[in-house]
Amino acid sequence: MPPSINGPNGRDTNGRFATGNVGGPGNPHVRRVAALRAALLDAVTDDDVRKIVAALVKAAKAGDTVAAREVLDRTIGKPAQTELLQRVEALEQQLFARTDE
């Protein structure tokens, strides 16, 4: 169904919200989630995070593969991300090589 001009769906002919569209109700949980995040940030100190990371690294060094995966994923990225970055860097090198000619 094509978008209507400020009709039942409040969009213009390009599908964008039209002037006067009051919008939707939004996410009813956003305030609660924000309050919970704020409470969590208030409860956790920088030192807490350092101790948690140290414990995670210690567990990884002791052979805990789940901990090792978490440490490596958070520091060097997941394998797919790493592969993508390597491909982007290779393409950038090719681009720079062409501009130097």
Protein backbone atom coordinates (compact mmCIF):
# COMPACT_ATOMS: atom_id res chain seq x y z
CA MET A 1 0.00 0.00 0.00
CA PRO A 2 1.56 3.35 -1.00
CA PRO A 3 1.97 5.95 1.74
CA SER A 4 -0.85 8.44 2.01
CA ILE A 5 -0.53 12.18 2.36
CA ASN A 6 -1.05 12.77 6.06
CA GLY A 7 -3.82 10.22 5.92
CA PRO A 8 -4.39 7.27 8.22
CA ASN A 9 -0.68 6.50 8.51
CA GLY A 10 0.48 10.16 8.71
CA ARG A 11 3.09 9.92 5.97
CA ASP A 12 3.74 12.03 2.89
CA THR A 13 4.11 10.68 -0.66
CA ASN A 14 7.79 9.89 0.01
CA GLY A 15 6.93 7.80 3.06
CA ARG A 16 8.26 10.34 5.57
CA PHE A 17 6.22 11.55 8.51
CA ALA A 18 4.11 14.48 7.36
CA THR A 19 3.78 17.82 9.12
CA GLY A 20 1.27 17.58 11.93
CA ASN A 21 1.87 13.87 12.55
CA VAL A 22 1.76 13.41 16.31
CA GLY A 23 3.86 10.24 16.10
CA GLY A 24 3.45 7.06 18.03
CA PRO A 25 3.34 6.42 21.74
CA GLY A 26 7.02 5.48 21.78
CA ASN A 27 8.55 2.77 23.89
CA PRO A 28 6.60 2.51 27.15
CA HIS A 29 9.60 0.89 28.89
CA VAL A 30 12.27 3.45 27.97
CA ARG A 31 11.98 5.42 31.22
CA ARG A 32 12.15 2.26 33.32
CA VAL A 33 15.17 0.96 31.41
CA ALA A 34 16.89 4.34 31.78
CA ALA A 35 16.21 4.31 35.53
CA LEU A 36 17.58 0.77 35.86
CA ARG A 37 20.72 1.67 33.89
CA ALA A 38 21.25 4.74 36.06
CA ALA A 39 20.88 2.62 39.21
CA LEU A 40 23.38 0.09 37.86
CA LEU A 41 25.88 2.81 36.95
CA ASP A 42 25.48 4.34 40.41
CA ALA A 43 26.07 0.96 42.08
CA VAL A 44 29.18 -0.06 40.11
CA THR A 45 32.42 1.84 40.60
CA ASP A 46 35.44 2.02 38.31
CA ASP A 47 37.28 -0.16 40.83
CA ASP A 48 34.47 -2.75 40.67
CA VAL A 49 34.84 -2.95 36.90
CA ARG A 50 38.63 -3.30 37.19
CA LYS A 51 38.23 -6.17 39.67
CA ILE A 52 35.63 -7.89 37.50
CA VAL A 53 37.86 -7.62 34.43
CA ALA A 54 40.86 -8.88 36.42
CA ALA A 55 38.86 -11.90 37.59
CA LEU A 56 37.71 -12.56 34.04
CA VAL A 57 41.28 -12.39 32.72
CA LYS A 58 42.49 -14.65 35.54
CA ALA A 59 39.79 -17.21 34.70
CA ALA A 60 40.71 -17.01 31.02
CA LYS A 61 44.38 -17.61 31.82
CA ALA A 62 43.37 -20.61 33.95
CA GLY A 63 41.72 -22.23 30.95
CA ASP A 64 38.12 -21.05 31.21
CA THR A 65 37.23 -20.92 27.51
CA VAL A 66 34.06 -18.88 28.07
CA ALA A 67 36.06 -16.26 29.96
CA ALA A 68 38.77 -16.35 27.29
CA ARG A 69 36.22 -15.84 24.53
CA GLU A 70 34.69 -12.90 26.40
CA VAL A 71 38.07 -11.23 26.99
CA LEU A 72 39.15 -11.72 23.39
CA ASP A 73 35.79 -10.64 21.94
CA ARG A 74 35.86 -7.47 24.02
CA THR A 75 39.49 -6.61 23.25
CA ILE A 76 40.19 -7.67 19.68
CA GLY A 77 36.64 -8.19 18.47
CA LYS A 78 34.67 -11.17 17.32
CA PRO A 79 36.22 -13.17 14.46
CA ALA A 80 33.73 -11.85 11.88
CA GLN A 81 34.47 -8.26 12.93
CA THR A 82 38.22 -8.89 12.73
CA GLU A 83 37.86 -10.40 9.26
CA LEU A 84 35.80 -7.44 8.12
CA LEU A 85 38.35 -4.97 9.47
CA GLN A 86 41.13 -6.83 7.67
CA ARG A 87 39.20 -6.66 4.39
CA VAL A 88 38.49 -2.95 4.86
CA GLU A 89 42.17 -2.27 5.59
CA ALA A 90 43.19 -4.23 2.48
CA LEU A 91 40.75 -2.21 0.35
CA GLU A 92 42.06 1.03 1.84
CA GLN A 93 45.63 0.01 0.99
CA GLN A 94 44.57 -0.69 -2.58
CA LEU A 95 42.83 2.68 -2.78
CA PHE A 96 45.87 4.54 -1.42
CA ALA A 97 48.14 2.65 -3.82
CA ARG A 98 46.00 3.82 -6.75
CA THR A 99 46.03 7.46 -5.61
CA ASP A 100 49.84 7.42 -5.26
CA GLU A 101 50.30 6.53 -8.95
